[in-house]
């Protein structure tokens, strides 16, 4: 289209770099996933990132002249306003890296940096399951728990780029699980993937009956996928553990509802138990909803929409592209 505008979105993860060329209307023209550099030098990691960005633009069939900007989403702590990554998880040598400016200088394009969960939240808000919402709390369930908050079309980043880190809400002040980061008793220590496995091991050690030990003896690794499979087959312990995960997530959700009162709460990430496609996923979601209704005020209990995200692994790069589009629009209006 003659008047179409194009942007590159990049979602840097510990295992893969997901990129896409996205239009101003949110259409994905091309997308590509490549392995992250998990060992080696900073230079090797950046070279891999640059190659992946170049490749996804080549795949789109567009010239670089058509690309107006690049949005980059990265994990770990950062200064979003300065474009610096401080402590990226699983990315060797990237500490204190001025990533935004390096990408901008390499491609001679305006560039913006965001936390990966923030970008995914914006993707769902812009083009996903929260497209009709005015405000959003987005949970990403994986090894840990990430979060992103969007209000009136703006990602809430906070004074020090740490807003939305809701997986670190403290839900057990004393006697909760230990955190290597010193944030003991946090939500992700109860409801993340590692937490689910830890709680399963604890229950089995205490003598809980389950088919899970049989599966382990047959060579299966104890993972959330195994627990979910056993729950789907009717194992009572596995089902209870997953429903407990939903209850803990609901407690975090109630805290968010009582703080910002979003109209929509979405659940995404790798550990969503098949979402609405499976009976287990539907049970998990309804359990979250019921626990929220039990613990919050009547009006938000009735009116807050709680559902699954819809963009899957594409949410990060779509959101990152949307963020650079929004940034350029804001700058042009000033």
Protein backbone atom coordinates (compact mmCIF):
# COMPACT_ATOMS: atom_id res chain seq x y z
CA UNK A 1 0.00 0.00 0.00
CA UNK A 2 1.26 3.46 -0.95
CA UNK A 3 0.62 5.05 2.45
CA UNK A 4 1.66 2.08 4.57
CA UNK A 5 4.43 2.51 7.13
CA UNK A 6 6.78 -0.26 8.23
CA UNK A 7 8.66 -1.00 11.44
CA UNK A 8 10.90 -3.76 12.78
CA UNK A 9 10.05 -5.38 16.09
CA UNK A 10 12.66 -7.44 17.96
CA UNK A 11 12.08 -9.69 20.97
CA UNK A 12 15.37 -10.91 22.46
CA UNK A 13 14.99 -13.99 24.63
CA UNK A 14 17.41 -16.28 26.38
CA UNK A 15 16.92 -19.02 23.79
CA UNK A 16 15.78 -17.18 20.67
CA UNK A 17 15.56 -13.82 18.95
CA UNK A 18 12.11 -13.26 17.42
CA UNK A 19 11.81 -10.51 14.84
CA UNK A 20 9.12 -9.20 12.54
CA UNK A 21 8.38 -6.45 10.05
CA UNK A 22 5.08 -4.91 11.10
CA UNK A 23 2.92 -2.26 9.45
CA UNK A 24 1.43 0.74 11.23
CA UNK A 25 -1.90 -1.08 11.19
CA UNK A 26 -0.37 -4.06 13.00
CA UNK A 27 -0.06 -6.48 10.09
CA UNK A 28 2.99 -8.74 10.20
CA UNK A 29 4.73 -8.69 6.82
CA UNK A 30 7.45 -11.17 7.76
CA UNK A 31 8.73 -12.86 10.88
CA UNK A 32 11.80 -14.87 11.80
CA UNK A 33 13.15 -16.68 14.83
CA UNK A 34 16.84 -17.38 15.34
CA UNK A 35 18.82 -18.85 18.25
CA UNK A 36 20.23 -16.43 20.81
CA UNK A 37 23.95 -16.52 21.49
CA UNK A 38 24.01 -18.18 24.91
CA UNK A 39 27.79 -18.32 25.19
CA UNK A 40 30.59 -16.26 23.74
CA UNK A 41 31.30 -12.58 23.56
CA UNK A 42 29.11 -9.51 23.54
CA UNK A 43 30.24 -8.88 19.97
CA UNK A 44 29.08 -12.34 18.86
CA UNK A 45 25.68 -11.79 20.41
CA UNK A 46 25.27 -8.40 18.78
CA UNK A 47 26.38 -9.76 15.41
CA UNK A 48 23.71 -12.47 15.66
CA UNK A 49 21.11 -9.84 16.54
CA UNK A 50 22.07 -7.65 13.59
CA UNK A 51 21.99 -10.60 11.15
CA UNK A 52 18.52 -11.57 12.34
CA UNK A 53 17.20 -8.01 11.88
CA UNK A 54 18.73 -7.84 8.39
CA UNK A 55 17.26 -11.22 7.47
CA UNK A 56 13.70 -10.41 8.51
CA UNK A 57 13.74 -7.21 6.45
CA UNK A 58 15.10 -9.16 3.46
CA UNK A 59 12.31 -11.71 4.00
CA UNK A 60 9.69 -8.97 3.85
CA UNK A 61 10.81 -7.91 0.38
CA UNK A 62 11.01 -4.30 1.51
CA UNK A 63 13.98 -1.99 1.08
CA UNK A 64 15.55 -0.50 4.19
CA UNK A 65 14.37 2.91 3.02
CA UNK A 66 10.82 1.75 3.82
CA UNK A 67 11.67 0.89 7.44
CA UNK A 68 10.94 3.88 9.68
CA UNK A 69 12.17 2.57 13.02
CA UNK A 70 13.11 -0.41 15.21
CA UNK A 71 11.60 -1.48 18.51
CA UNK A 72 13.73 -3.75 20.70
CA UNK A 73 12.45 -5.79 23.63
CA UNK A 74 14.99 -7.40 25.97
CA UNK A 75 14.91 -9.29 29.26
CA UNK A 76 16.32 -8.24 32.61
CA UNK A 77 16.72 -4.90 34.33
CA UNK A 78 17.29 -1.78 32.27
CA UNK A 79 17.01 1.98 32.00
CA UNK A 80 14.30 2.30 29.38
CA UNK A 81 14.66 6.06 29.08
CA UNK A 82 18.41 5.85 28.41
CA UNK A 83 18.18 2.66 26.34
CA UNK A 84 20.63 0.71 28.52
CA UNK A 85 20.35 -2.96 29.48
CA UNK A 86 21.82 -3.52 32.95
CA UNK A 87 21.43 -7.20 33.82
CA UNK A 88 19.95 -9.23 30.95
CA UNK A 89 19.16 -12.83 31.84
CA UNK A 90 21.01 -15.51 29.82
CA UNK A 91 22.76 -13.00 27.55
CA UNK A 92 26.53 -13.20 28.16
CA UNK A 93 28.48 -9.98 28.31
CA UNK A 94 25.47 -7.73 27.78
CA UNK A 95 25.66 -6.05 31.20
CA UNK A 96 25.44 -2.23 31.07
CA UNK A 97 24.95 -2.37 27.32
CA UNK A 98 23.66 0.75 25.49
CA UNK A 99 21.56 -1.53 23.29
CA UNK A 100 19.16 1.07 21.90
CA UNK A 101 21.91 3.33 20.62
CA UNK A 102 23.97 0.44 19.23
CA UNK A 103 21.02 -0.81 17.16
CA UNK A 104 20.14 2.73 16.08
CA UNK A 105 23.72 3.44 14.96
CA UNK A 106 24.04 0.11 13.18
CA UNK A 107 20.91 0.58 11.06
CA UNK A 108 20.65 4.39 11.09
CA UNK A 109 17.03 4.18 12.25
CA UNK A 110 15.18 5.59 15.26
CA UNK A 111 15.14 2.87 17.93
CA UNK A 112 13.37 2.30 21.23
CA UNK A 113 14.14 -0.18 24.03
CA UNK A 114 11.60 -1.88 26.31
CA UNK A 115 11.42 -4.71 28.78
CA UNK A 116 10.22 -7.90 27.05
CA UNK A 117 7.09 -8.28 29.20
CA UNK A 118 6.20 -4.63 28.60
CA UNK A 119 6.48 -5.13 24.86
CA UNK A 120 4.35 -8.28 24.95
CA UNK A 121 1.74 -6.43 26.99
CA UNK A 122 1.66 -3.63 24.43
CA UNK A 123 1.38 -6.17 21.62
CA UNK A 124 -1.72 -7.68 23.21
CA UNK A 125 -3.12 -4.21 23.88
CA UNK A 126 -2.46 -2.99 20.33
CA UNK A 127 -3.29 -6.06 18.24
CA UNK A 128 -4.19 -8.94 20.57
CA UNK A 129 -6.80 -10.02 23.06
CA UNK A 130 -6.91 -6.58 24.74
CA UNK A 131 -7.40 -4.64 21.49
CA UNK A 132 -10.71 -3.19 22.68
CA UNK A 133 -9.45 -2.44 26.22
CA UNK A 134 -8.48 0.89 27.72
CA UNK A 135 -6.24 -0.61 30.41
CA UNK A 136 -4.45 -3.93 30.77
CA UNK A 137 -2.54 -6.06 33.23
CA UNK A 138 -0.64 -8.75 31.34
CA UNK A 139 0.87 -11.79 33.07
CA UNK A 140 3.51 -13.96 31.40
CA UNK A 141 3.75 -17.37 33.04
CA UNK A 142 7.01 -19.14 32.40
CA UNK A 143 10.09 -20.10 34.37
CA UNK A 144 9.23 -17.06 36.47
CA UNK A 145 6.41 -14.55 36.12
CA UNK A 146 6.64 -11.35 34.13
CA UNK A 147 4.17 -8.52 33.98
CA UNK A 148 3.28 -5.50 31.92
CA UNK A 149 0.79 -2.70 32.53
CA UNK A 150 -0.80 -0.52 29.85
CA UNK A 151 -3.12 2.36 30.78
CA UNK A 152 -4.74 4.64 28.19
CA UNK A 153 -2.39 3.34 25.52
CA UNK A 154 0.78 3.93 27.53
CA UNK A 155 3.13 1.32 28.98
CA UNK A 156 3.67 2.12 32.64
CA UNK A 157 7.46 2.09 33.12
CA UNK A 158 7.86 4.03 36.35
CA UNK A 159 10.55 6.40 37.57
CA UNK A 160 13.32 3.77 37.37
CA UNK A 161 12.02 1.50 34.55
CA UNK A 162 10.85 -1.14 37.02
CA UNK A 163 7.06 -0.69 36.97
CA UNK A 164 5.06 -3.77 36.03
CA UNK A 165 7.43 -6.25 37.72
CA UNK A 166 4.38 -7.81 39.32
CA UNK A 167 5.79 -11.32 39.47
CA UNK A 168 7.79 -10.00 42.43
CA UNK A 169 4.77 -8.96 44.46
CA UNK A 170 5.21 -10.36 47.97
CA UNK A 171 2.31 -12.65 48.84
CA UNK A 172 3.95 -14.36 51.84
CA UNK A 173 5.96 -11.95 53.97
CA UNK A 174 7.44 -14.52 56.35
CA UNK A 175 8.17 -18.17 55.79
CA UNK A 176 7.75 -17.97 52.03
CA UNK A 177 10.03 -19.59 49.45
CA UNK A 178 13.61 -18.34 49.33
CA UNK A 179 14.70 -16.05 46.50
CA UNK A 180 18.29 -15.76 45.29
CA UNK A 181 17.50 -12.10 44.58
CA UNK A 182 16.36 -11.46 48.14
CA UNK A 183 12.68 -11.05 47.22
CA UNK A 184 11.44 -13.93 49.35
CA UNK A 185 7.82 -15.04 49.24
CA UNK A 186 7.10 -13.46 45.85
CA UNK A 187 4.32 -14.46 43.50
CA UNK A 188 6.65 -16.12 40.99
CA UNK A 189 8.04 -18.32 43.76
CA UNK A 190 4.54 -19.74 44.12
CA UNK A 191 3.13 -19.65 40.60
CA UNK A 192 6.05 -19.80 38.14
CA UNK A 193 7.14 -22.99 36.37
CA UNK A 194 10.02 -23.60 38.78
CA UNK A 195 7.59 -23.12 41.67
CA UNK A 196 5.14 -25.65 40.25
CA UNK A 197 7.90 -28.26 40.00
CA UNK A 198 9.16 -27.42 43.50
CA UNK A 199 5.69 -27.75 45.01
CA UNK A 200 5.23 -31.05 43.20
CA UNK A 201 8.47 -32.45 44.60
CA UNK A 202 7.48 -31.30 48.09
CA UNK A 203 4.06 -32.96 47.85
CA UNK A 204 5.56 -36.22 46.61
CA UNK A 205 8.17 -36.18 49.38
CA UNK A 206 5.35 -35.75 51.89
CA UNK A 207 3.70 -38.93 50.59
CA UNK A 208 1.07 -37.61 48.17
CA UNK A 209 -0.29 -40.30 45.85
CA UNK A 210 0.17 -39.68 42.13
CA UNK A 211 1.13 -41.28 38.83
CA UNK A 212 3.90 -38.73 38.48
CA UNK A 213 6.61 -40.94 40.13
CA UNK A 214 5.71 -43.70 37.68
CA UNK A 215 6.23 -41.30 34.79
CA UNK A 216 9.56 -40.18 36.22
CA UNK A 217 10.66 -43.81 36.64
CA UNK A 218 9.87 -44.35 32.96
CA UNK A 219 12.36 -41.62 32.06
CA UNK A 220 10.14 -38.55 31.86
CA UNK A 221 11.53 -35.34 33.31
CA UNK A 222 9.50 -33.60 35.99
CA UNK A 223 8.33 -30.45 34.21
CA UNK A 224 5.13 -28.40 34.07
CA UNK A 225 4.33 -30.22 30.82
CA UNK A 226 4.45 -33.58 32.59
CA UNK A 227 2.35 -32.28 35.49
CA UNK A 228 -0.18 -30.86 33.03
CA UNK A 229 -0.35 -34.13 31.09
CA UNK A 230 -1.00 -36.05 34.30
CA UNK A 231 -3.65 -33.53 35.35
CA UNK A 232 -5.37 -33.90 31.98
CA UNK A 233 -5.41 -37.67 32.52
CA UNK A 234 -7.16 -37.24 35.86
CA UNK A 235 -4.29 -37.29 38.35
CA UNK A 236 -5.63 -35.58 41.49
CA UNK A 237 -2.29 -34.27 42.77
CA UNK A 238 -1.31 -32.78 39.40
CA UNK A 239 -4.69 -31.12 39.03
CA UNK A 240 -4.55 -29.73 42.58
CA UNK A 241 -1.07 -28.28 42.00
CA UNK A 242 -2.17 -26.51 38.82
CA UNK A 243 -5.32 -25.15 40.43
CA UNK A 244 -3.17 -23.89 43.31
CA UNK A 245 -1.05 -22.08 40.72
CA UNK A 246 -4.22 -20.39 39.53
CA UNK A 247 -5.13 -19.41 43.08
CA UNK A 248 -1.73 -17.80 43.66
CA UNK A 249 -1.95 -15.96 40.34
CA UNK A 250 -5.40 -14.74 41.36
CA UNK A 251 -3.99 -13.29 44.58
CA UNK A 252 -1.49 -11.29 42.55
CA UNK A 253 -4.28 -10.23 40.21
CA UNK A 254 -6.39 -9.02 43.13
CA UNK A 255 -3.50 -6.84 44.30
CA UNK A 256 -3.27 -5.33 40.82
CA UNK A 257 -7.03 -4.78 40.61
CA UNK A 258 -7.00 -2.99 43.96
CA UNK A 259 -4.08 -0.83 42.79
CA UNK A 260 -4.87 0.21 39.19
CA UNK A 261 -8.34 -1.32 38.50
CA UNK A 262 -7.66 -2.39 34.88
CA UNK A 263 -10.60 -3.31 32.69
CA UNK A 264 -8.73 -6.35 31.31
CA UNK A 265 -6.31 -8.93 32.74
CA UNK A 266 -4.64 -11.32 30.29
CA UNK A 267 -2.61 -14.46 30.96
CA UNK A 268 0.08 -15.50 28.50
CA UNK A 269 3.48 -17.13 28.37
CA UNK A 270 4.68 -20.70 28.02
CA UNK A 271 2.75 -22.16 30.98
CA UNK A 272 -0.93 -21.66 30.17
CA UNK A 273 -1.94 -25.33 29.98
CA UNK A 274 -3.34 -25.24 26.45
CA UNK A 275 -5.45 -22.15 27.15
CA UNK A 276 -9.07 -22.51 26.03
CA UNK A 277 -8.17 -25.34 23.68
CA UNK A 278 -8.02 -27.87 26.52
CA UNK A 279 -10.27 -28.77 29.43
CA UNK A 280 -7.33 -28.20 31.79
CA UNK A 281 -6.71 -24.72 30.38
CA UNK A 282 -10.36 -23.83 30.74
CA UNK A 283 -10.43 -25.11 34.33
CA UNK A 284 -7.30 -23.14 35.18
CA UNK A 285 -8.74 -19.90 33.79
CA UNK A 286 -12.08 -20.33 35.55
CA UNK A 287 -10.24 -21.07 38.79
CA UNK A 288 -8.34 -17.77 38.47
CA UNK A 289 -11.59 -15.94 37.77
CA UNK A 290 -13.41 -17.51 40.72
CA UNK A 291 -10.57 -16.78 43.14
CA UNK A 292 -10.46 -13.16 41.98
CA UNK A 293 -14.22 -12.82 42.46
CA UNK A 294 -13.85 -14.22 45.96
CA UNK A 295 -11.17 -11.77 47.07
CA UNK A 296 -12.00 -8.44 45.44
CA UNK A 297 -14.75 -5.82 45.62
CA UNK A 298 -18.07 -6.64 43.91
CA UNK A 299 -17.86 -4.14 41.04
CA UNK A 300 -14.35 -5.04 39.77
CA UNK A 301 -15.16 -8.70 40.50
CA UNK A 302 -18.07 -8.42 38.08
CA UNK A 303 -16.59 -6.12 35.46
CA UNK A 304 -12.87 -7.01 35.16
CA UNK A 305 -12.34 -9.21 32.12
CA UNK A 306 -9.87 -12.05 32.75
CA UNK A 307 -8.82 -14.12 29.76
CA UNK A 308 -5.92 -15.65 27.88
CA UNK A 309 -3.62 -13.67 25.59
CA UNK A 310 -3.93 -14.36 21.86
CA UNK A 311 -0.67 -13.46 20.11
CA UNK A 312 1.50 -16.22 21.58
CA UNK A 313 5.22 -15.90 20.86
CA UNK A 314 4.59 -13.06 18.40
CA UNK A 315 3.39 -10.65 21.10
CA UNK A 316 6.88 -9.35 21.92
CA UNK A 317 8.01 -8.32 18.45
CA UNK A 318 4.56 -6.99 17.52
CA UNK A 319 4.50 -4.93 20.70
CA UNK A 320 8.05 -3.68 20.16
CA UNK A 321 7.10 -2.52 16.67
CA UNK A 322 4.03 -0.81 18.09
CA UNK A 323 6.18 0.94 20.67
CA UNK A 324 8.48 2.53 18.10
CA UNK A 325 5.45 3.57 16.03
CA UNK A 326 3.93 5.21 19.11
CA UNK A 327 7.23 6.91 19.99
CA UNK A 328 7.61 8.40 16.51
CA UNK A 329 4.00 9.60 16.53
CA UNK A 330 4.53 11.32 19.88
CA UNK A 331 7.74 12.97 18.70
CA UNK A 332 6.11 14.23 15.49
CA UNK A 333 3.26 15.83 17.44
CA UNK A 334 5.58 17.77 19.76
